[in-house]
C-alpha cells in the first residue's frame, strides 16, 4: 500500500494547496509536512537527500511504496534517510503539474471514470486534464508576478511602480482572457457536468477552484465586477460545485486549510480595481 507525504513551506497555502485539494477531493490520507522549513530544505537542491534527480523547489511529494515505513519529520530521522536514493520503496516528485499528473489517475481525478474509453482515449483524456491544469497554473504564476514583476528576491515595495502596471494588464486583459477559455470549456463540455472536462471532478477543476478563491482574496473589487457582469456564470458555478464536494467541504470545514496571506495571492489595495468593460 502506498503512503504519501507532502513537503511544503509553513504558514502559506501556496502551490502546496493544489496538491492538498487533490487528496481532500479523493478523501485519501496523507502526511502534510509543512511545519519544518529546515527539514524541507534538506530535500531541495543538489545536496538534497532525495537522491537523483534533484529538486529545484517545493512542493515535493514523497511516495512510499511501503506504507509501514512512515515518513519521518525530525532532523535525526531525515539524517537517517540520507541514503533514500538507494531505497527503491521511496521516491520524490517536484513541480506542481507533475505531481498532479502523477496523482490524478491514482486518486481517480483524471476524468476517465464512469466513461467507456479506449486505452488511447484514456491517455488522451489524461493529457487534456494536464493541459487544462497547466493553463490554470499559468494564470496562477501570472498573479504571483503582479506583486513581484521584476525580481522574486526583492520586496514588493521595491517594485511597486512596475507592479501597478503589471496588475493593470492582469485585471483588464489577462484574467478576462483566461476566464473566457475556462467558461467556454465548461459550457462546451459534452457531458454537461459543470466541470471543465468529463463527467467528474479532475485536478484541473480543483486547481481552478483554488485560483478563483485566491483571486477573490487578492482582487476582491475585480472579481466582484467580473462575477456581477454575468459573463462567467458557469465558471463561478464550478467553484461552488467543487466547494460542495464531500471531501472538499469536509476539508474547508476542518480548519486545516491555510489562509491566504503572503503567498502567491496577496491583497494590495492599490493593485485592485473593478474591471472596465
C-alpha atoms as a PDB file:
ATOM      1  CA  UNK A   1       0.000   0.000   0.000  1.00  0.00           C
ATOM      2  CA  UNK A   2       1.277   3.443  -0.947  1.00  0.00           C
ATOM      3  CA  UNK A   3       1.654   6.323   1.504  1.00  0.00           C
ATOM      4  CA  UNK A   4       2.167   9.957   0.581  1.00  0.00           C
ATOM      5  CA  UNK A   5       3.912  12.874   2.267  1.00  0.00           C
ATOM      6  CA  UNK A   6       3.657  16.464   1.053  1.00  0.00           C
ATOM      7  CA  UNK A   7       6.609  18.728   1.791  1.00  0.00           C
ATOM      8  CA  UNK A   8       5.972  22.465   1.639  1.00  0.00           C
ATOM      9  CA  UNK A   9       6.614  25.801   3.343  1.00  0.00           C
ATOM     10  CA  UNK A  10       4.972  26.633   6.671  1.00  0.00           C
ATOM     11  CA  UNK A  11       2.152  29.177   7.051  1.00  0.00           C
ATOM     12  CA  UNK A  12       1.092  29.754   3.427  1.00  0.00           C
ATOM     13  CA  UNK A  13      -1.164  27.631   1.174  1.00  0.00           C
ATOM     14  CA  UNK A  14       0.996  28.356  -1.875  1.00  0.00           C
ATOM     15  CA  UNK A  15       1.421  25.735  -4.569  1.00  0.00           C
ATOM     16  CA  UNK A  16       1.147  23.030  -1.961  1.00  0.00           C
ATOM     17  CA  UNK A  17      -2.570  23.741  -1.711  1.00  0.00           C
ATOM     18  CA  UNK A  18      -3.180  22.414  -5.206  1.00  0.00           C
ATOM     19  CA  UNK A  19      -1.875  19.052  -4.024  1.00  0.00           C
ATOM     20  CA  UNK A  20      -3.782  19.186  -0.719  1.00  0.00           C
ATOM     21  CA  UNK A  21      -7.049  19.730  -2.585  1.00  0.00           C
ATOM     22  CA  UNK A  22      -6.426  16.621  -4.689  1.00  0.00           C
ATOM     23  CA  UNK A  23      -6.045  14.466  -1.583  1.00  0.00           C
ATOM     24  CA  UNK A  24      -9.061  16.143   0.018  1.00  0.00           C
ATOM     25  CA  UNK A  25     -11.311  15.577  -3.002  1.00  0.00           C
ATOM     26  CA  UNK A  26     -10.278  11.922  -3.199  1.00  0.00           C
ATOM     27  CA  UNK A  27     -10.563  11.559   0.595  1.00  0.00           C
ATOM     28  CA  UNK A  28      -7.152   9.896   0.669  1.00  0.00           C
ATOM     29  CA  UNK A  29      -4.984  10.259   3.757  1.00  0.00           C
ATOM     30  CA  UNK A  30      -1.500  11.733   3.517  1.00  0.00           C
ATOM     31  CA  UNK A  31       1.079  13.373   5.762  1.00  0.00           C
ATOM     32  CA  UNK A  32       1.446  17.146   5.463  1.00  0.00           C
ATOM     33  CA  UNK A  33       4.999  18.123   6.429  1.00  0.00           C
ATOM     34  CA  UNK A  34       4.623  21.882   6.133  1.00  0.00           C
ATOM     35  CA  UNK A  35       5.748  22.879   9.608  1.00  0.00           C
ATOM     36  CA  UNK A  36       9.526  22.474   9.366  1.00  0.00           C
ATOM     37  CA  UNK A  37      11.356  24.610   6.815  1.00  0.00           C
ATOM     38  CA  UNK A  38      14.693  23.208   7.960  1.00  0.00           C
ATOM     39  CA  UNK A  39      13.719  19.638   7.158  1.00  0.00           C
ATOM     40  CA  UNK A  40      12.229  20.776   3.840  1.00  0.00           C
ATOM     41  CA  UNK A  41      15.448  22.472   2.751  1.00  0.00           C
ATOM     42  CA  UNK A  42      17.311  19.193   3.175  1.00  0.00           C
ATOM     43  CA  UNK A  43      15.267  17.852   0.257  1.00  0.00           C
ATOM     44  CA  UNK A  44      15.971  20.747  -2.136  1.00  0.00           C
ATOM     45  CA  UNK A  45      18.969  21.322  -4.371  1.00  0.00           C
ATOM     46  CA  UNK A  46      21.947  19.197  -5.439  1.00  0.00           C
ATOM     47  CA  UNK A  47      22.762  18.473  -1.804  1.00  0.00           C
ATOM     48  CA  UNK A  48      19.229  17.169  -1.234  1.00  0.00           C
ATOM     49  CA  UNK A  49      18.741  13.850   0.493  1.00  0.00           C
ATOM     50  CA  UNK A  50      16.181  12.703  -2.041  1.00  0.00           C
ATOM     51  CA  UNK A  51      18.863  11.391  -4.333  1.00  0.00           C
ATOM     52  CA  UNK A  52      18.877  11.783  -8.108  1.00  0.00           C
ATOM     53  CA  UNK A  53      17.118  13.561  -9.793  1.00  0.00           C
ATOM     54  CA  UNK A  54      17.400  16.618  -7.535  1.00  0.00           C
ATOM     55  CA  UNK A  55      14.649  19.108  -6.846  1.00  0.00           C
ATOM     56  CA  UNK A  56      14.716  22.831  -7.550  1.00  0.00           C
ATOM     57  CA  UNK A  57      11.871  23.838  -5.245  1.00  0.00           C
ATOM     58  CA  UNK A  58       8.825  22.615  -3.359  1.00  0.00           C
ATOM     59  CA  UNK A  59       6.172  21.307  -3.319  1.00  0.00           C
ATOM     60  CA  UNK A  60       7.800  17.911  -3.094  1.00  0.00           C
ATOM     61  CA  UNK A  61       5.734  14.745  -2.899  1.00  0.00           C
ATOM     62  CA  UNK A  62       7.317  11.798  -1.117  1.00  0.00           C
ATOM     63  CA  UNK A  63       5.867   8.496  -2.272  1.00  0.00           C
ATOM     64  CA  UNK A  64       6.496   5.471  -0.089  1.00  0.00           C
ATOM     65  CA  UNK A  65       5.512   2.202  -1.686  1.00  0.00           C
ATOM     66  CA  UNK A  66       5.622   0.503   1.710  1.00  0.00           C
ATOM     67  CA  UNK A  67       3.045   2.162   3.964  1.00  0.00           C
ATOM     68  CA  UNK A  68       4.593   0.561   7.031  1.00  0.00           C
ATOM     69  CA  UNK A  69       7.629   2.800   6.542  1.00  0.00           C
ATOM     70  CA  UNK A  70       6.300   6.152   7.717  1.00  0.00           C
ATOM     71  CA  UNK A  71       7.748   9.484   6.702  1.00  0.00           C
ATOM     72  CA  UNK A  72       9.882  10.977   9.451  1.00  0.00           C
ATOM     73  CA  UNK A  73       9.725  14.623  10.386  1.00  0.00           C
ATOM     74  CA  UNK A  74      12.659  15.025  12.793  1.00  0.00           C
ATOM     75  CA  UNK A  75      16.147  16.083  11.779  1.00  0.00           C
ATOM     76  CA  UNK A  76      17.581  12.842  13.123  1.00  0.00           C
ATOM     77  CA  UNK A  77      15.193  10.768  11.059  1.00  0.00           C
ATOM     78  CA  UNK A  78      15.973  12.831   7.977  1.00  0.00           C
ATOM     79  CA  UNK A  79      19.681  12.213   8.550  1.00  0.00           C
ATOM     80  CA  UNK A  80      18.953   8.502   8.648  1.00  0.00           C
ATOM     81  CA  UNK A  81      17.273   8.833   5.257  1.00  0.00           C
ATOM     82  CA  UNK A  82      20.384  10.203   3.581  1.00  0.00           C
ATOM     83  CA  UNK A  83      20.513   7.004   1.568  1.00  0.00           C
ATOM     84  CA  UNK A  84      16.954   7.325   0.301  1.00  0.00           C
ATOM     85  CA  UNK A  85      18.268   7.230  -3.257  1.00  0.00           C
ATOM     86  CA  UNK A  86      19.140   3.574  -2.744  1.00  0.00           C
ATOM     87  CA  UNK A  87      15.749   2.756  -1.257  1.00  0.00           C
ATOM     88  CA  UNK A  88      13.549   1.528  -4.124  1.00  0.00           C
ATOM     89  CA  UNK A  89      10.420   1.835  -1.985  1.00  0.00           C
ATOM     90  CA  UNK A  90      10.665   5.629  -1.634  1.00  0.00           C
ATOM     91  CA  UNK A  91      10.857   8.293  -4.322  1.00  0.00           C
ATOM     92  CA  UNK A  92      10.215  12.012  -4.645  1.00  0.00           C
ATOM     93  CA  UNK A  93       8.481  14.234  -7.196  1.00  0.00           C
ATOM     94  CA  UNK A  94       8.511  18.010  -7.529  1.00  0.00           C
ATOM     95  CA  UNK A  95       6.830  20.606  -9.774  1.00  0.00           C
ATOM     96  CA  UNK A  96       3.117  21.090  -9.133  1.00  0.00           C
ATOM     97  CA  UNK A  97       1.787  19.995 -12.564  1.00  0.00           C
ATOM     98  CA  UNK A  98       3.986  16.881 -12.494  1.00  0.00           C
ATOM     99  CA  UNK A  99       2.778  15.896  -9.028  1.00  0.00           C
ATOM    100  CA  UNK A 100      -0.843  16.400 -10.061  1.00  0.00           C
ATOM    101  CA  UNK A 101      -0.394  14.441 -13.293  1.00  0.00           C
ATOM    102  CA  UNK A 102       1.078  11.561 -11.277  1.00  0.00           C
ATOM    103  CA  UNK A 103      -1.665  11.624  -8.659  1.00  0.00           C
ATOM    104  CA  UNK A 104      -4.652  12.170 -10.961  1.00  0.00           C
ATOM    105  CA  UNK A 105      -5.147   8.559 -12.132  1.00  0.00           C
ATOM    106  CA  UNK A 106      -4.267   7.156  -8.708  1.00  0.00           C
ATOM    107  CA  UNK A 107      -6.810   9.395  -6.969  1.00  0.00           C
ATOM    108  CA  UNK A 108      -9.401   8.973  -9.745  1.00  0.00           C
ATOM    109  CA  UNK A 109      -9.131  12.637 -10.682  1.00  0.00           C
ATOM    110  CA  UNK A 110      -8.072  12.106 -14.300  1.00  0.00           C
ATOM    111  CA  UNK A 111     -11.521  12.318 -15.898  1.00  0.00           C
ATOM    112  CA  UNK A 112     -11.604   8.705 -17.065  1.00  0.00           C
ATOM    113  CA  UNK A 113     -14.027   7.264 -14.532  1.00  0.00           C
ATOM    114  CA  UNK A 114     -17.557   6.197 -15.482  1.00  0.00           C
ATOM    115  CA  UNK A 115     -16.848   6.509 -19.194  1.00  0.00           C
ATOM    116  CA  UNK A 116     -16.220   3.777 -21.757  1.00  0.00           C
ATOM    117  CA  UNK A 117     -12.871   4.950 -23.107  1.00  0.00           C
ATOM    118  CA  UNK A 118     -10.324   3.017 -25.135  1.00  0.00           C
ATOM    119  CA  UNK A 119      -6.722   2.842 -23.967  1.00  0.00           C
ATOM    120  CA  UNK A 120      -5.755   5.602 -26.393  1.00  0.00           C
ATOM    121  CA  UNK A 121      -8.711   7.716 -25.286  1.00  0.00           C
ATOM    122  CA  UNK A 122      -7.713   7.308 -21.641  1.00  0.00           C
ATOM    123  CA  UNK A 123      -4.201   8.555 -22.413  1.00  0.00           C
ATOM    124  CA  UNK A 124      -5.588  11.488 -24.374  1.00  0.00           C
ATOM    125  CA  UNK A 125      -8.078  12.389 -21.641  1.00  0.00           C
ATOM    126  CA  UNK A 126      -5.311  12.417 -19.057  1.00  0.00           C
ATOM    127  CA  UNK A 127      -3.217  14.617 -21.332  1.00  0.00           C
ATOM    128  CA  UNK A 128      -6.139  17.010 -21.758  1.00  0.00           C
ATOM    129  CA  UNK A 129      -6.614  17.192 -17.988  1.00  0.00           C
ATOM    130  CA  UNK A 130      -2.921  18.023 -17.657  1.00  0.00           C
ATOM    131  CA  UNK A 131      -3.265  20.596 -20.436  1.00  0.00           C
ATOM    132  CA  UNK A 132      -6.094  22.359 -18.609  1.00  0.00           C
ATOM    133  CA  UNK A 133      -4.265  22.129 -15.292  1.00  0.00           C
ATOM    134  CA  UNK A 134      -1.129  23.669 -16.794  1.00  0.00           C
ATOM    135  CA  UNK A 135      -3.135  26.522 -18.314  1.00  0.00           C
ATOM    136  CA  UNK A 136      -4.735  27.349 -14.970  1.00  0.00           C
ATOM    137  CA  UNK A 137      -1.338  27.209 -13.282  1.00  0.00           C
ATOM    138  CA  UNK A 138      -0.102  29.686 -15.899  1.00  0.00           C
ATOM    139  CA  UNK A 139      -2.686  32.130 -14.552  1.00  0.00           C
ATOM    140  CA  UNK A 140      -1.565  31.358 -11.017  1.00  0.00           C
ATOM    141  CA  UNK A 141       2.005  32.260 -11.985  1.00  0.00           C
ATOM    142  CA  UNK A 142       0.894  35.489 -13.650  1.00  0.00           C
ATOM    143  CA  UNK A 143      -0.916  36.516 -10.477  1.00  0.00           C
ATOM    144  CA  UNK A 144       2.274  35.990  -8.486  1.00  0.00           C
ATOM    145  CA  UNK A 145       4.180  38.146 -10.954  1.00  0.00           C
ATOM    146  CA  UNK A 146       1.907  41.119 -10.348  1.00  0.00           C
ATOM    147  CA  UNK A 147       3.440  41.737  -6.937  1.00  0.00           C
ATOM    148  CA  UNK A 148       6.929  40.605  -7.980  1.00  0.00           C
ATOM    149  CA  UNK A 149       7.187  41.669 -11.647  1.00  0.00           C
ATOM    150  CA  UNK A 150      10.918  42.459 -11.618  1.00  0.00           C
ATOM    151  CA  UNK A 151      12.637  40.158  -9.127  1.00  0.00           C
ATOM    152  CA  UNK A 152      11.291  37.393  -6.914  1.00  0.00           C
ATOM    153  CA  UNK A 153      14.083  38.048  -4.434  1.00  0.00           C
ATOM    154  CA  UNK A 154      13.198  41.732  -3.993  1.00  0.00           C
ATOM    155  CA  UNK A 155      10.471  43.192  -1.799  1.00  0.00           C
ATOM    156  CA  UNK A 156       7.162  44.314  -3.284  1.00  0.00           C
ATOM    157  CA  UNK A 157       7.895  47.823  -2.022  1.00  0.00           C
ATOM    158  CA  UNK A 158      10.982  47.922  -4.244  1.00  0.00           C
ATOM    159  CA  UNK A 159       8.958  47.309  -7.417  1.00  0.00           C
ATOM    160  CA  UNK A 160       5.609  48.994  -6.775  1.00  0.00           C
ATOM    161  CA  UNK A 161       5.667  51.083  -9.959  1.00  0.00           C
ATOM    162  CA  UNK A 162       6.203  48.016 -12.131  1.00  0.00           C
ATOM    163  CA  UNK A 163       3.663  46.047 -10.079  1.00  0.00           C
ATOM    164  CA  UNK A 164       0.952  48.651 -10.677  1.00  0.00           C
ATOM    165  CA  UNK A 165       1.493  48.474 -14.421  1.00  0.00           C
ATOM    166  CA  UNK A 166       1.566  44.674 -14.407  1.00  0.00           C
ATOM    167  CA  UNK A 167      -1.583  44.457 -12.258  1.00  0.00           C
ATOM    168  CA  UNK A 168      -3.489  46.770 -14.592  1.00  0.00           C
ATOM    169  CA  UNK A 169      -2.755  44.476 -17.534  1.00  0.00           C
ATOM    170  CA  UNK A 170      -3.655  41.413 -15.479  1.00  0.00           C
ATOM    171  CA  UNK A 171      -7.012  42.894 -14.456  1.00  0.00           C
ATOM    172  CA  UNK A 172      -8.018  44.296 -17.812  1.00  0.00           C
ATOM    173  CA  UNK A 173      -6.587  41.757 -20.220  1.00  0.00           C
ATOM    174  CA  UNK A 174      -5.103  38.587 -18.825  1.00  0.00           C
ATOM    175  CA  UNK A 175      -7.686  37.445 -16.273  1.00  0.00           C
ATOM    176  CA  UNK A 176     -10.657  38.061 -18.620  1.00  0.00           C
ATOM    177  CA  UNK A 177      -8.836  36.154 -21.377  1.00  0.00           C
ATOM    178  CA  UNK A 178      -8.236  33.176 -19.093  1.00  0.00           C
ATOM    179  CA  UNK A 179     -11.792  33.335 -17.742  1.00  0.00           C
ATOM    180  CA  UNK A 180     -13.246  33.204 -21.260  1.00  0.00           C
ATOM    181  CA  UNK A 181     -11.407  29.992 -22.125  1.00  0.00           C
ATOM    182  CA  UNK A 182     -12.404  28.423 -18.808  1.00  0.00           C
ATOM    183  CA  UNK A 183     -16.047  29.424 -19.284  1.00  0.00           C
ATOM    184  CA  UNK A 184     -16.046  28.043 -22.835  1.00  0.00           C
ATOM    185  CA  UNK A 185     -14.577  24.721 -21.728  1.00  0.00           C
ATOM    186  CA  UNK A 186     -17.262  24.282 -19.088  1.00  0.00           C
ATOM    187  CA  UNK A 187     -20.084  25.365 -21.400  1.00  0.00           C
ATOM    188  CA  UNK A 188     -18.972  23.070 -24.220  1.00  0.00           C
ATOM    189  CA  UNK A 189     -18.106  20.018 -22.145  1.00  0.00           C
ATOM    190  CA  UNK A 190     -20.192  17.309 -23.905  1.00  0.00           C
ATOM    191  CA  UNK A 191     -21.062  15.671 -20.589  1.00  0.00           C
ATOM    192  CA  UNK A 192     -22.708  18.893 -19.305  1.00  0.00           C
ATOM    193  CA  UNK A 193     -21.313  18.030 -15.875  1.00  0.00           C
ATOM    194  CA  UNK A 194     -20.423  21.582 -14.936  1.00  0.00           C
ATOM    195  CA  UNK A 195     -16.753  20.603 -14.874  1.00  0.00           C
ATOM    196  CA  UNK A 196     -14.014  21.518 -17.337  1.00  0.00           C
ATOM    197  CA  UNK A 197     -13.807  18.073 -18.932  1.00  0.00           C
ATOM    198  CA  UNK A 198     -15.520  14.726 -18.477  1.00  0.00           C
ATOM    199  CA  UNK A 199     -18.275  13.710 -16.104  1.00  0.00           C
ATOM    200  CA  UNK A 200     -16.429  14.026 -12.808  1.00  0.00           C
ATOM    201  CA  UNK A 201     -14.136  16.401 -10.993  1.00  0.00           C
ATOM    202  CA  UNK A 202     -10.495  16.400 -12.087  1.00  0.00           C
ATOM    203  CA  UNK A 203      -7.313  18.002 -10.829  1.00  0.00           C
ATOM    204  CA  UNK A 204      -7.963  20.813 -13.318  1.00  0.00           C
ATOM    205  CA  UNK A 205     -11.245  21.712 -11.595  1.00  0.00           C
ATOM    206  CA  UNK A 206      -9.560  21.678  -8.190  1.00  0.00           C
ATOM    207  CA  UNK A 207      -6.752  23.956  -9.349  1.00  0.00           C
ATOM    208  CA  UNK A 208      -9.291  26.308 -10.918  1.00  0.00           C
ATOM    209  CA  UNK A 209     -11.233  26.393  -7.649  1.00  0.00           C
ATOM    210  CA  UNK A 210      -8.112  27.417  -5.738  1.00  0.00           C
ATOM    211  CA  UNK A 211      -7.185  30.095  -8.267  1.00  0.00           C
ATOM    212  CA  UNK A 212     -10.689  31.580  -8.122  1.00  0.00           C
ATOM    213  CA  UNK A 213     -10.531  31.631  -4.332  1.00  0.00           C
ATOM    214  CA  UNK A 214      -7.108  33.245  -4.457  1.00  0.00           C
ATOM    215  CA  UNK A 215      -8.206  35.881  -6.949  1.00  0.00           C
ATOM    216  CA  UNK A 216     -11.185  36.725  -4.750  1.00  0.00           C
ATOM    217  CA  UNK A 217      -8.767  37.349  -1.882  1.00  0.00           C
ATOM    218  CA  UNK A 218      -6.208  39.298  -3.902  1.00  0.00           C
ATOM    219  CA  UNK A 219      -8.559  41.268  -6.150  1.00  0.00           C
ATOM    220  CA  UNK A 220     -11.985  41.499  -4.465  1.00  0.00           C
ATOM    221  CA  UNK A 221     -13.130  44.519  -6.486  1.00  0.00           C
ATOM    222  CA  UNK A 222     -12.081  42.965  -9.773  1.00  0.00           C
ATOM    223  CA  UNK A 223     -13.603  39.552  -9.138  1.00  0.00           C
ATOM    224  CA  UNK A 224     -16.883  41.025  -7.896  1.00  0.00           C
ATOM    225  CA  UNK A 225     -17.207  43.135 -11.022  1.00  0.00           C
ATOM    226  CA  UNK A 226     -16.440  40.152 -13.261  1.00  0.00           C
ATOM    227  CA  UNK A 227     -18.911  37.932 -11.432  1.00  0.00           C
ATOM    228  CA  UNK A 228     -21.607  40.612 -11.379  1.00  0.00           C
ATOM    229  CA  UNK A 229     -21.080  41.175 -15.101  1.00  0.00           C
ATOM    230  CA  UNK A 230     -22.721  37.812 -15.787  1.00  0.00           C
ATOM    231  CA  UNK A 231     -20.293  36.548 -18.419  1.00  0.00           C
ATOM    232  CA  UNK A 232     -18.789  33.837 -16.236  1.00  0.00           C
ATOM    233  CA  UNK A 233     -21.771  32.187 -14.590  1.00  0.00           C
ATOM    234  CA  UNK A 234     -20.640  28.630 -15.277  1.00  0.00           C
ATOM    235  CA  UNK A 235     -17.143  29.404 -14.037  1.00  0.00           C
ATOM    236  CA  UNK A 236     -18.432  30.520 -10.650  1.00  0.00           C
ATOM    237  CA  UNK A 237     -20.934  27.667 -10.612  1.00  0.00           C
ATOM    238  CA  UNK A 238     -17.975  25.297 -10.956  1.00  0.00           C
ATOM    239  CA  UNK A 239     -16.340  26.964  -7.972  1.00  0.00           C
ATOM    240  CA  UNK A 240     -19.464  26.352  -5.885  1.00  0.00           C
ATOM    241  CA  UNK A 241     -19.801  22.795  -7.184  1.00  0.00           C
ATOM    242  CA  UNK A 242     -16.227  21.966  -6.176  1.00  0.00           C
ATOM    243  CA  UNK A 243     -16.706  23.578  -2.754  1.00  0.00           C
ATOM    244  CA  UNK A 244     -19.706  21.308  -2.207  1.00  0.00           C
ATOM    245  CA  UNK A 245     -17.920  18.033  -2.950  1.00  0.00           C
ATOM    246  CA  UNK A 246     -17.942  15.871   0.209  1.00  0.00           C
ATOM    247  CA  UNK A 247     -14.175  15.676   0.565  1.00  0.00           C
ATOM    248  CA  UNK A 248     -13.614  19.347  -0.221  1.00  0.00           C
ATOM    249  CA  UNK A 249     -16.412  20.516   2.054  1.00  0.00           C
ATOM    250  CA  UNK A 250     -15.001  18.465   4.919  1.00  0.00           C
ATOM    251  CA  UNK A 251     -11.556  19.940   4.306  1.00  0.00           C
ATOM    252  CA  UNK A 252     -12.838  23.516   4.133  1.00  0.00           C
ATOM    253  CA  UNK A 253     -14.745  23.000   7.389  1.00  0.00           C
ATOM    254  CA  UNK A 254     -11.863  21.281   9.168  1.00  0.00           C
ATOM    255  CA  UNK A 255      -9.733  24.294   9.997  1.00  0.00           C
ATOM    256  CA  UNK A 256      -6.733  22.655   8.316  1.00  0.00           C
ATOM    257  CA  UNK A 257      -6.851  24.894   5.253  1.00  0.00           C
ATOM    258  CA  UNK A 258      -4.188  27.588   5.472  1.00  0.00           C
ATOM    259  CA  UNK A 259      -5.476  31.149   4.940  1.00  0.00           C
ATOM    260  CA  UNK A 260      -4.250  33.352   2.116  1.00  0.00           C
ATOM    261  CA  UNK A 261      -1.614  35.827   3.265  1.00  0.00           C
ATOM    262  CA  UNK A 262       1.795  36.483   1.693  1.00  0.00           C
ATOM    263  CA  UNK A 263       1.997  33.670  -0.831  1.00  0.00           C
ATOM    264  CA  UNK A 264       1.014  33.556  -4.494  1.00  0.00           C
ATOM    265  CA  UNK A 265      -2.170  35.512  -3.870  1.00  0.00           C
ATOM    266  CA  UNK A 266      -1.595  38.757  -1.962  1.00  0.00           C
ATOM    267  CA  UNK A 267      -4.001  41.604  -1.435  1.00  0.00           C
ATOM    268  CA  UNK A 268      -2.668  45.076  -2.063  1.00  0.00           C
ATOM    269  CA  UNK A 269      -5.432  47.660  -2.186  1.00  0.00           C
ATOM    270  CA  UNK A 270      -3.552  49.749  -4.734  1.00  0.00           C
ATOM    271  CA  UNK A 271      -3.400  46.838  -7.199  1.00  0.00           C
ATOM    272  CA  UNK A 272      -7.134  46.095  -7.111  1.00  0.00           C
ATOM    273  CA  UNK A 273      -9.842  47.790  -9.181  1.00  0.00           C
ATOM    274  CA  UNK A 274     -13.071  46.936 -10.963  1.00  0.00           C
ATOM    275  CA  UNK A 275     -12.981  45.602 -14.500  1.00  0.00           C
ATOM    276  CA  UNK A 276     -13.564  48.328 -17.083  1.00  0.00           C
ATOM    277  CA  UNK A 277     -15.526  46.896 -19.979  1.00  0.00           C
END
